[in-house]
Amino acid sequence: MKPPPFDHHAPETLEEALDVLARTGEDAKVLAGGQSLIPLLNMRLAAPAHLVDINRVTALDTLEATAEGVRVGALARHARVERSEEAAGVLPLLRAALRQVAHPVVRNRGTVVGSLAHADPAAELPAVLALCEGTVEAASAGGRRTIPAAEFFAGPLESSLRPGELATSAFFPTPPARSGTAFAEVARRHGDYAMAGAAALVTLDEDQRVSSAKVAYLSVAATPLVLDLTGPLGHRPPVTCDWAAAAAYARDRLDTDEDIHASADYRRHLAGVLTERTLRAAAQEAL
């Protein structure tokens, strides 16, 4: 199938891109990696009058890893971030999640920020951003704003970006000291969207007891869902924690939906299994 007709814009600077978006507003879609947008166009599920291709805006092709966290520019491809030793050194969870994104050919073109802006609740990176309490930087002709992950994902395939805005970067903060992370998902075939997935972050105090335990879920709710599971773990050393009880606590609080891929009960069961698995692994990494 072929996409519906549209006007193609190829700005070379951020200012030019924002000017085009200001003029075209709700009639425009931004093209970066295109791994989600192009299929939608070809299947006629999206029909923008204008396509703003930002691939010539080289100022957005950035990746910076510091002690504070990892900042990913709008044109940084999945593969670049996945292979970055600096980014993995600051936040190993990023690499673990990116390795589950589709297939290498998709990761070579798709972008991290594009995945976030697409806001698919079955995608890996929105869950990672939500778990880390990261942010998305948005720019428009009227200025810039920083959007917390908790406010960025508004619904399935819906972000809080406004007409005329461009997501220019995403920031994934470094977890606290003595923290460990883990990521796991279950899909019918490698590279498929997950039927359920979980990303865990466990932090220990100076006495090596669990001071914080959170899990973010994908494919279980309309937006990335983060649960605080510190209470069920009882501020104990990891070796004495009841991980199964924490998983059961999480399962009881997940309101999953049924679809063609899995029943609600099966999806809830998978989420519980992945909760226990990722919490154990994250705690081990924290030690």
C-alpha atoms as a PDB file:
ATOM      1  CA  MET A   1       0.000   0.000   0.000  1.00  0.00           C
ATOM      2  CA  LYS A   2       1.047   3.589  -0.541  1.00  0.00           C
ATOM      3  CA  PRO A   3       0.645   6.527   1.823  1.00  0.00           C
ATOM      4  CA  PRO A   4      -1.869   9.304   1.159  1.00  0.00           C
ATOM      5  CA  PRO A   5      -0.445  12.459  -0.468  1.00  0.00           C
ATOM      6  CA  PHE A   6       1.414  14.952   1.703  1.00  0.00           C
ATOM      7  CA  ASP A   7       3.793  17.888   1.422  1.00  0.00           C
ATOM      8  CA  HIS A   8       7.342  16.944   2.374  1.00  0.00           C
ATOM      9  CA  HIS A   9       9.447  19.460   4.320  1.00  0.00           C
ATOM     10  CA  ALA A  10      13.180  18.940   4.900  1.00  0.00           C
ATOM     11  CA  PRO A  11      14.458  21.643   7.275  1.00  0.00           C
ATOM     12  CA  GLU A  12      18.194  21.786   7.969  1.00  0.00           C
ATOM     13  CA  THR A  13      18.096  23.610  11.295  1.00  0.00           C
ATOM     14  CA  LEU A  14      15.964  23.343  14.409  1.00  0.00           C
ATOM     15  CA  GLU A  15      14.680  26.868  13.841  1.00  0.00           C
ATOM     16  CA  GLU A  16      13.501  25.949  10.349  1.00  0.00           C
ATOM     17  CA  ALA A  17      11.800  22.822  11.658  1.00  0.00           C
ATOM     18  CA  LEU A  18       9.966  24.756  14.378  1.00  0.00           C
ATOM     19  CA  ASP A  19       8.904  27.380  11.852  1.00  0.00           C
ATOM     20  CA  VAL A  20       7.369  24.701   9.612  1.00  0.00           C
ATOM     21  CA  LEU A  21       5.615  23.095  12.579  1.00  0.00           C
ATOM     22  CA  ALA A  22       4.272  26.479  13.695  1.00  0.00           C
ATOM     23  CA  ARG A  23       2.758  27.013  10.232  1.00  0.00           C
ATOM     24  CA  THR A  24       1.359  23.517   9.776  1.00  0.00           C
ATOM     25  CA  GLY A  25       0.257  22.725  13.351  1.00  0.00           C
ATOM     26  CA  GLU A  26      -2.097  19.754  13.699  1.00  0.00           C
ATOM     27  CA  ASP A  27      -1.770  18.957   9.995  1.00  0.00           C
ATOM     28  CA  ALA A  28       1.883  17.905  10.412  1.00  0.00           C
ATOM     29  CA  LYS A  29       3.729  14.786  11.515  1.00  0.00           C
ATOM     30  CA  VAL A  30       7.450  14.661  12.338  1.00  0.00           C
ATOM     31  CA  LEU A  31       9.582  12.049  10.580  1.00  0.00           C
ATOM     32  CA  ALA A  32      12.797  10.879  12.269  1.00  0.00           C
ATOM     33  CA  GLY A  33      13.344   7.112  12.113  1.00  0.00           C
ATOM     34  CA  GLY A  34       9.936   6.441  10.628  1.00  0.00           C
ATOM     35  CA  GLN A  35       9.705   2.879  11.943  1.00  0.00           C
ATOM     36  CA  SER A  36       6.261   3.558  13.411  1.00  0.00           C
ATOM     37  CA  LEU A  37       5.056   6.425  11.232  1.00  0.00           C
ATOM     38  CA  ILE A  38       5.728   4.938   7.791  1.00  0.00           C
ATOM     39  CA  PRO A  39       3.658   1.773   8.415  1.00  0.00           C
ATOM     40  CA  LEU A  40       0.821   3.951   9.727  1.00  0.00           C
ATOM     41  CA  LEU A  41       0.982   6.051   6.550  1.00  0.00           C
ATOM     42  CA  ASN A  42       1.093   3.009   4.283  1.00  0.00           C
ATOM     43  CA  MET A  43      -1.909   1.458   5.999  1.00  0.00           C
ATOM     44  CA  ARG A  44      -3.765   4.791   5.785  1.00  0.00           C
ATOM     45  CA  LEU A  45      -4.107   4.909   9.572  1.00  0.00           C
ATOM     46  CA  ALA A  46      -2.499   8.358   9.508  1.00  0.00           C
ATOM     47  CA  ALA A  47      -2.967  10.990   6.814  1.00  0.00           C
ATOM     48  CA  PRO A  48      -1.061  14.182   7.665  1.00  0.00           C
ATOM     49  CA  ALA A  49      -1.070  16.960   5.104  1.00  0.00           C
ATOM     50  CA  HIS A  50       2.565  17.749   5.940  1.00  0.00           C
ATOM     51  CA  LEU A  51       5.535  15.545   6.778  1.00  0.00           C
ATOM     52  CA  VAL A  52       8.372  17.365   8.545  1.00  0.00           C
ATOM     53  CA  ASP A  53      11.533  15.328   7.945  1.00  0.00           C
ATOM     54  CA  ILE A  54      14.107  16.311  10.601  1.00  0.00           C
ATOM     55  CA  ASN A  55      16.885  13.981   9.434  1.00  0.00           C
ATOM     56  CA  ARG A  56      18.938  16.909   8.117  1.00  0.00           C
ATOM     57  CA  VAL A  57      18.837  18.699  11.487  1.00  0.00           C
ATOM     58  CA  THR A  58      22.201  17.335  12.589  1.00  0.00           C
ATOM     59  CA  ALA A  59      22.125  19.345  15.843  1.00  0.00           C
ATOM     60  CA  LEU A  60      19.547  16.819  17.109  1.00  0.00           C
ATOM     61  CA  ASP A  61      21.830  13.817  16.523  1.00  0.00           C
ATOM     62  CA  THR A  62      23.349  13.805  19.999  1.00  0.00           C
ATOM     63  CA  LEU A  63      24.037  11.372  22.822  1.00  0.00           C
ATOM     64  CA  GLU A  64      25.526  12.517  26.119  1.00  0.00           C
ATOM     65  CA  ALA A  65      26.248  10.357  29.169  1.00  0.00           C
ATOM     66  CA  THR A  66      27.261  12.090  32.394  1.00  0.00           C
ATOM     67  CA  ALA A  67      27.179  11.305  36.098  1.00  0.00           C
ATOM     68  CA  GLU A  68      23.683  12.821  36.196  1.00  0.00           C
ATOM     69  CA  GLY A  69      22.224  10.627  33.479  1.00  0.00           C
ATOM     70  CA  VAL A  70      21.894   9.996  29.758  1.00  0.00           C
ATOM     71  CA  ARG A  71      20.508  12.623  27.385  1.00  0.00           C
ATOM     72  CA  VAL A  72      19.431  11.355  23.978  1.00  0.00           C
ATOM     73  CA  GLY A  73      18.832  13.721  21.069  1.00  0.00           C
ATOM     74  CA  ALA A  74      15.872  13.347  18.736  1.00  0.00           C
ATOM     75  CA  LEU A  75      17.937  11.769  15.934  1.00  0.00           C
ATOM     76  CA  ALA A  76      19.957   9.307  18.029  1.00  0.00           C
ATOM     77  CA  ARG A  77      19.123   5.839  16.702  1.00  0.00           C
ATOM     78  CA  HIS A  78      18.288   2.914  18.955  1.00  0.00           C
ATOM     79  CA  ALA A  79      21.413   1.093  17.776  1.00  0.00           C
ATOM     80  CA  ARG A  80      23.707   3.989  18.645  1.00  0.00           C
ATOM     81  CA  VAL A  81      22.389   4.207  22.203  1.00  0.00           C
ATOM     82  CA  GLU A  82      22.388   0.421  22.569  1.00  0.00           C
ATOM     83  CA  ARG A  83      26.063   0.191  21.551  1.00  0.00           C
ATOM     84  CA  SER A  84      27.247   3.159  23.616  1.00  0.00           C
ATOM     85  CA  GLU A  85      29.496   1.942  26.423  1.00  0.00           C
ATOM     86  CA  GLU A  86      29.223   5.346  28.093  1.00  0.00           C
ATOM     87  CA  ALA A  87      25.424   5.209  28.181  1.00  0.00           C
ATOM     88  CA  ALA A  88      25.437   1.590  29.383  1.00  0.00           C
ATOM     89  CA  GLY A  89      27.914   2.503  32.111  1.00  0.00           C
ATOM     90  CA  VAL A  90      25.566   5.171  33.454  1.00  0.00           C
ATOM     91  CA  LEU A  91      22.281   3.300  32.939  1.00  0.00           C
ATOM     92  CA  PRO A  92      22.573  -0.406  32.030  1.00  0.00           C
ATOM     93  CA  LEU A  93      18.775  -0.596  31.900  1.00  0.00           C
ATOM     94  CA  LEU A  94      18.787   1.377  28.643  1.00  0.00           C
ATOM     95  CA  ARG A  95      20.859  -1.248  26.832  1.00  0.00           C
ATOM     96  CA  ALA A  96      18.855  -4.107  28.346  1.00  0.00           C
ATOM     97  CA  ALA A  97      15.589  -2.585  27.102  1.00  0.00           C
ATOM     98  CA  LEU A  98      16.901  -1.557  23.690  1.00  0.00           C
ATOM     99  CA  ARG A  99      18.024  -5.109  22.948  1.00  0.00           C
ATOM    100  CA  GLN A 100      14.357  -6.115  23.120  1.00  0.00           C
ATOM    101  CA  VAL A 101      13.226  -3.507  20.570  1.00  0.00           C
ATOM    102  CA  ALA A 102      12.152  -5.269  17.377  1.00  0.00           C
ATOM    103  CA  HIS A 103      15.117  -6.359  15.225  1.00  0.00           C
ATOM    104  CA  PRO A 104      18.543  -4.847  14.360  1.00  0.00           C
ATOM    105  CA  VAL A 105      17.297  -3.435  11.054  1.00  0.00           C
ATOM    106  CA  VAL A 106      14.601  -1.494  12.945  1.00  0.00           C
ATOM    107  CA  ARG A 107      17.009  -0.355  15.653  1.00  0.00           C
ATOM    108  CA  ASN A 108      19.375   0.952  12.980  1.00  0.00           C
ATOM    109  CA  ARG A 109      16.739   3.451  11.820  1.00  0.00           C
ATOM    110  CA  GLY A 110      14.330   3.945  14.718  1.00  0.00           C
ATOM    111  CA  THR A 111      15.036   6.657  17.273  1.00  0.00           C
ATOM    112  CA  VAL A 112      14.737   6.652  21.051  1.00  0.00           C
ATOM    113  CA  VAL A 113      12.877   9.970  21.210  1.00  0.00           C
ATOM    114  CA  GLY A 114      10.626   8.915  18.333  1.00  0.00           C
ATOM    115  CA  SER A 115       9.603   5.816  20.272  1.00  0.00           C
ATOM    116  CA  LEU A 116       8.757   7.963  23.279  1.00  0.00           C
ATOM    117  CA  ALA A 117       6.750  10.441  21.195  1.00  0.00           C
ATOM    118  CA  HIS A 118       4.854   7.555  19.570  1.00  0.00           C
ATOM    119  CA  ALA A 119       3.746   6.613  23.120  1.00  0.00           C
ATOM    120  CA  ASP A 120       2.926   2.986  22.413  1.00  0.00           C
ATOM    121  CA  PRO A 121       2.112   1.330  25.780  1.00  0.00           C
ATOM    122  CA  ALA A 122       3.663  -1.900  24.435  1.00  0.00           C
ATOM    123  CA  ALA A 123       7.011  -0.224  23.724  1.00  0.00           C
ATOM    124  CA  GLU A 124      10.047  -0.671  25.945  1.00  0.00           C
ATOM    125  CA  LEU A 125      11.438   2.847  26.218  1.00  0.00           C
ATOM    126  CA  PRO A 126       8.365   4.605  27.646  1.00  0.00           C
ATOM    127  CA  ALA A 127       8.475   2.170  30.586  1.00  0.00           C
ATOM    128  CA  VAL A 128      12.177   2.861  31.124  1.00  0.00           C
ATOM    129  CA  LEU A 129      11.653   6.629  31.075  1.00  0.00           C
ATOM    130  CA  ALA A 130       8.735   6.329  33.509  1.00  0.00           C
ATOM    131  CA  LEU A 131      10.696   4.097  35.890  1.00  0.00           C
ATOM    132  CA  CYS A 132      13.678   6.478  35.939  1.00  0.00           C
ATOM    133  CA  GLU A 133      11.399   9.504  36.336  1.00  0.00           C
ATOM    134  CA  GLY A 134      12.963  10.978  33.230  1.00  0.00           C
ATOM    135  CA  THR A 135      11.883  13.932  31.136  1.00  0.00           C
ATOM    136  CA  VAL A 136      11.293  14.942  27.539  1.00  0.00           C
ATOM    137  CA  GLU A 137      12.456  18.312  26.239  1.00  0.00           C
ATOM    138  CA  ALA A 138       9.975  19.913  23.827  1.00  0.00           C
ATOM    139  CA  ALA A 139      10.571  22.949  21.657  1.00  0.00           C
ATOM    140  CA  SER A 140       8.258  25.148  19.607  1.00  0.00           C
ATOM    141  CA  ALA A 141       8.398  28.559  17.972  1.00  0.00           C
ATOM    142  CA  GLY A 142       7.113  29.926  21.277  1.00  0.00           C
ATOM    143  CA  GLY A 143       9.824  28.431  23.493  1.00  0.00           C
ATOM    144  CA  ARG A 144      10.859  25.274  25.283  1.00  0.00           C
ATOM    145  CA  ARG A 145       9.466  23.182  28.115  1.00  0.00           C
ATOM    146  CA  THR A 146      10.497  20.096  30.047  1.00  0.00           C
ATOM    147  CA  ILE A 147       7.832  17.420  30.450  1.00  0.00           C
ATOM    148  CA  PRO A 148       8.131  14.801  33.233  1.00  0.00           C
ATOM    149  CA  ALA A 149       7.517  11.221  32.151  1.00  0.00           C
ATOM    150  CA  ALA A 150       4.504  11.017  34.493  1.00  0.00           C
ATOM    151  CA  GLU A 151       2.841  13.777  32.440  1.00  0.00           C
ATOM    152  CA  PHE A 152       4.196  12.937  28.991  1.00  0.00           C
ATOM    153  CA  PHE A 153       2.232   9.749  28.260  1.00  0.00           C
ATOM    154  CA  ALA A 154      -1.434  10.726  27.969  1.00  0.00           C
ATOM    155  CA  GLY A 155      -2.897   7.506  26.536  1.00  0.00           C
ATOM    156  CA  PRO A 156      -2.352   4.801  23.930  1.00  0.00           C
ATOM    157  CA  LEU A 157      -0.353   6.387  21.094  1.00  0.00           C
ATOM    158  CA  GLU A 158      -0.962   9.786  22.677  1.00  0.00           C
ATOM    159  CA  SER A 159       1.609  12.081  24.241  1.00  0.00           C
ATOM    160  CA  SER A 160       1.224  15.523  25.786  1.00  0.00           C
ATOM    161  CA  LEU A 161       3.139  17.173  22.944  1.00  0.00           C
ATOM    162  CA  ARG A 162       1.166  20.109  21.592  1.00  0.00           C
ATOM    163  CA  PRO A 163       0.618  21.026  17.933  1.00  0.00           C
ATOM    164  CA  GLY A 164       3.724  22.812  16.709  1.00  0.00           C
ATOM    165  CA  GLU A 165       5.994  21.164  19.295  1.00  0.00           C
ATOM    166  CA  LEU A 166       8.974  18.943  18.577  1.00  0.00           C
ATOM    167  CA  ALA A 167      10.463  16.515  21.108  1.00  0.00           C
ATOM    168  CA  THR A 168      14.141  17.463  20.867  1.00  0.00           C
ATOM    169  CA  SER A 169      15.645  15.171  23.517  1.00  0.00           C
ATOM    170  CA  ALA A 170      14.932  12.799  26.387  1.00  0.00           C
ATOM    171  CA  PHE A 171      16.791  12.594  29.680  1.00  0.00           C
ATOM    172  CA  PHE A 172      17.162   9.357  31.653  1.00  0.00           C
ATOM    173  CA  PRO A 173      18.469  10.182  35.170  1.00  0.00           C
ATOM    174  CA  THR A 174      21.097   8.036  36.862  1.00  0.00           C
ATOM    175  CA  PRO A 175      19.588   5.807  39.569  1.00  0.00           C
ATOM    176  CA  PRO A 176      20.601   6.473  43.188  1.00  0.00           C
ATOM    177  CA  ALA A 177      23.760   4.924  44.636  1.00  0.00           C
ATOM    178  CA  ARG A 178      23.548   1.203  45.552  1.00  0.00           C
ATOM    179  CA  SER A 179      20.867   0.641  42.896  1.00  0.00           C
ATOM    180  CA  GLY A 180      20.324  -2.189  40.467  1.00  0.00           C
ATOM    181  CA  THR A 181      18.064  -2.488  37.448  1.00  0.00           C
ATOM    182  CA  ALA A 182      16.658  -5.297  35.318  1.00  0.00           C
ATOM    183  CA  PHE A 183      14.405  -5.694  32.293  1.00  0.00           C
ATOM    184  CA  ALA A 184      12.409  -8.658  30.980  1.00  0.00           C
ATOM    185  CA  GLU A 185       9.485  -9.239  28.651  1.00  0.00           C
ATOM    186  CA  VAL A 186       7.518 -12.073  27.068  1.00  0.00           C
ATOM    187  CA  ALA A 187       6.597 -12.028  23.376  1.00  0.00           C
ATOM    188  CA  ARG A 188       5.265 -14.700  21.043  1.00  0.00           C
ATOM    189  CA  ARG A 189       8.316 -14.313  18.815  1.00  0.00           C
ATOM    190  CA  HIS A 190      11.559 -12.430  19.294  1.00  0.00           C
ATOM    191  CA  GLY A 191      11.084  -8.914  18.000  1.00  0.00           C
ATOM    192  CA  ASP A 192       7.299  -8.889  18.433  1.00  0.00           C
ATOM    193  CA  TYR A 193       5.648  -6.445  20.776  1.00  0.00           C
ATOM    194  CA  ALA A 194       5.585  -7.892  24.274  1.00  0.00           C
ATOM    195  CA  MET A 195       2.457  -9.462  25.723  1.00  0.00           C
ATOM    196  CA  ALA A 196       3.830  -8.142  29.018  1.00  0.00           C
ATOM    197  CA  GLY A 197       7.088  -6.625  30.171  1.00  0.00           C
ATOM    198  CA  ALA A 198       8.661  -5.225  33.322  1.00  0.00           C
ATOM    199  CA  ALA A 199      11.564  -2.976  34.253  1.00  0.00           C
ATOM    200  CA  ALA A 200      12.711  -2.975  37.882  1.00  0.00           C
ATOM    201  CA  LEU A 201      14.755  -0.561  39.971  1.00  0.00           C
ATOM    202  CA  VAL A 202      15.898  -1.648  43.456  1.00  0.00           C
ATOM    203  CA  THR A 203      17.898   0.610  45.788  1.00  0.00           C
ATOM    204  CA  LEU A 204      19.617  -0.523  48.996  1.00  0.00           C
ATOM    205  CA  ASP A 205      20.505   1.563  52.027  1.00  0.00           C
ATOM    206  CA  GLU A 206      23.877   1.615  53.748  1.00  0.00           C
ATOM    207  CA  ASP A 207      22.934  -1.531  55.687  1.00  0.00           C
ATOM    208  CA  GLN A 208      22.218  -3.401  52.439  1.00  0.00           C
ATOM    209  CA  ARG A 209      18.473  -3.423  53.064  1.00  0.00           C
ATOM    210  CA  VAL A 210      15.901  -2.608  50.399  1.00  0.00           C
ATOM    211  CA  SER A 211      15.050   1.089  50.733  1.00  0.00           C
ATOM    212  CA  SER A 212      13.165   1.384  47.444  1.00  0.00           C
ATOM    213  CA  ALA A 213      11.757  -1.059  44.889  1.00  0.00           C
ATOM    214  CA  LYS A 214       9.788   0.009  41.814  1.00  0.00           C
ATOM    215  CA  VAL A 215       8.617  -1.801  38.709  1.00  0.00           C
ATOM    216  CA  ALA A 216       7.389  -0.243  35.470  1.00  0.00           C
ATOM    217  CA  TYR A 217       5.179  -2.287  33.167  1.00  0.00           C
ATOM    218  CA  LEU A 218       4.615  -2.323  29.435  1.00  0.00           C
ATOM    219  CA  SER A 219       1.661  -3.878  27.615  1.00  0.00           C
ATOM    220  CA  VAL A 220      -0.463  -3.995  30.746  1.00  0.00           C
ATOM    221  CA  ALA A 221      -2.076  -0.540  30.804  1.00  0.00           C
ATOM    222  CA  ALA A 222      -2.923   2.355  28.491  1.00  0.00           C
ATOM    223  CA  THR A 223       0.274   4.138  29.527  1.00  0.00           C
ATOM    224  CA  PRO A 224       3.493   2.999  31.234  1.00  0.00           C
ATOM    225  CA  LEU A 225       2.495   1.948  34.744  1.00  0.00           C
ATOM    226  CA  VAL A 226       4.898   2.240  37.703  1.00  0.00           C
ATOM    227  CA  LEU A 227       4.222   0.443  40.996  1.00  0.00           C
ATOM    228  CA  ASP A 228       6.062   1.084  44.249  1.00  0.00           C
ATOM    229  CA  LEU A 229       6.699  -2.350  45.788  1.00  0.00           C
ATOM    230  CA  THR A 230       8.886  -1.207  48.673  1.00  0.00           C
ATOM    231  CA  GLY A 231       6.224  -1.927  51.301  1.00  0.00           C
ATOM    232  CA  PRO A 232       5.723  -5.641  50.564  1.00  0.00           C
ATOM    233  CA  LEU A 233       9.493  -6.181  50.752  1.00  0.00           C
ATOM    234  CA  GLY A 234       9.581  -4.905  54.316  1.00  0.00           C
ATOM    235  CA  HIS A 235      12.912  -3.040  54.262  1.00  0.00           C
ATOM    236  CA  ARG A 236      14.824  -6.306  54.533  1.00  0.00           C
ATOM    237  CA  PRO A 237      18.099  -7.564  53.050  1.00  0.00           C
ATOM    238  CA  PRO A 238      17.538  -9.002  49.562  1.00  0.00           C
ATOM    239  CA  VAL A 239      18.375 -12.533  50.711  1.00  0.00           C
ATOM    240  CA  THR A 240      15.360 -12.519  53.070  1.00  0.00           C
ATOM    241  CA  CYS A 241      12.916 -10.628  50.837  1.00  0.00           C
ATOM    242  CA  ASP A 242       9.717 -12.386  49.794  1.00  0.00           C
ATOM    243  CA  TRP A 243       9.855 -11.618  46.084  1.00  0.00           C
ATOM    244  CA  ALA A 244       6.838 -13.814  45.375  1.00  0.00           C
ATOM    245  CA  ALA A 245       4.743 -11.791  47.830  1.00  0.00           C
ATOM    246  CA  ALA A 246       5.792  -8.577  46.095  1.00  0.00           C
ATOM    247  CA  ALA A 247       4.779 -10.098  42.762  1.00  0.00           C
ATOM    248  CA  ALA A 248       1.400 -11.108  44.173  1.00  0.00           C
ATOM    249  CA  TYR A 249       0.932  -7.587  45.568  1.00  0.00           C
ATOM    250  CA  ALA A 250       1.630  -6.180  42.109  1.00  0.00           C
ATOM    251  CA  ARG A 251      -0.668  -8.660  40.368  1.00  0.00           C
ATOM    252  CA  ASP A 252      -3.572  -7.624  42.581  1.00  0.00           C
ATOM    253  CA  ARG A 253      -3.110  -4.014  41.487  1.00  0.00           C
ATOM    254  CA  LEU A 254      -2.858  -4.574  37.738  1.00  0.00           C
ATOM    255  CA  ASP A 255      -6.034  -3.937  35.757  1.00  0.00           C
ATOM    256  CA  THR A 256      -5.088  -5.625  32.490  1.00  0.00           C
ATOM    257  CA  ASP A 257      -7.109  -5.835  29.282  1.00  0.00           C
ATOM    258  CA  GLU A 258      -7.791  -8.734  26.958  1.00  0.00           C
ATOM    259  CA  ASP A 259      -6.798  -8.558  23.296  1.00  0.00           C
ATOM    260  CA  ILE A 260      -5.982 -10.883  20.393  1.00  0.00           C
ATOM    261  CA  HIS A 261      -2.581 -11.669  21.915  1.00  0.00           C
ATOM    262  CA  ALA A 262      -3.491 -12.612  25.489  1.00  0.00           C
ATOM    263  CA  SER A 263      -6.372 -12.813  27.930  1.00  0.00           C
ATOM    264  CA  ALA A 264      -6.436 -10.378  30.826  1.00  0.00           C
ATOM    265  CA  ASP A 265      -5.707 -13.164  33.319  1.00  0.00           C
ATOM    266  CA  TYR A 266      -2.766 -14.496  31.332  1.00  0.00           C
ATOM    267  CA  ARG A 267      -1.314 -11.011  30.924  1.00  0.00           C
ATOM    268  CA  ARG A 268      -1.661 -10.423  34.665  1.00  0.00           C
ATOM    269  CA  HIS A 269       0.027 -13.765  35.338  1.00  0.00           C
ATOM    270  CA  LEU A 270       2.936 -12.857  33.047  1.00  0.00           C
ATOM    271  CA  ALA A 271       3.317  -9.485  34.744  1.00  0.00           C
ATOM    272  CA  GLY A 272       3.566 -11.204  38.122  1.00  0.00           C
ATOM    273  CA  VAL A 273       6.216 -13.645  36.909  1.00  0.00           C
ATOM    274  CA  LEU A 274       8.227 -10.815  35.380  1.00  0.00           C
ATOM    275  CA  THR A 275       7.870  -8.730  38.542  1.00  0.00           C
ATOM    276  CA  GLU A 276       9.507 -11.393  40.663  1.00  0.00           C
ATOM    277  CA  ARG A 277      12.184 -12.108  38.046  1.00  0.00           C
ATOM    278  CA  THR A 278      13.225  -8.485  37.532  1.00  0.00           C
ATOM    279  CA  LEU A 279      13.127  -7.561  41.229  1.00  0.00           C
ATOM    280  CA  ARG A 280      15.447 -10.456  42.068  1.00  0.00           C
ATOM    281  CA  ALA A 281      17.850  -9.537  39.269  1.00  0.00           C
ATOM    282  CA  ALA A 282      17.831  -5.829  40.135  1.00  0.00           C
ATOM    283  CA  ALA A 283      18.518  -6.560  43.809  1.00  0.00           C
ATOM    284  CA  GLN A 284      21.397  -8.831  42.864  1.00  0.00           C
ATOM    285  CA  GLU A 285      22.878  -6.088  40.695  1.00  0.00           C
ATOM    286  CA  ALA A 286      22.474  -3.591  43.548  1.00  0.00           C
ATOM    287  CA  LEU A 287      24.514  -5.887  45.810  1.00  0.00           C
END
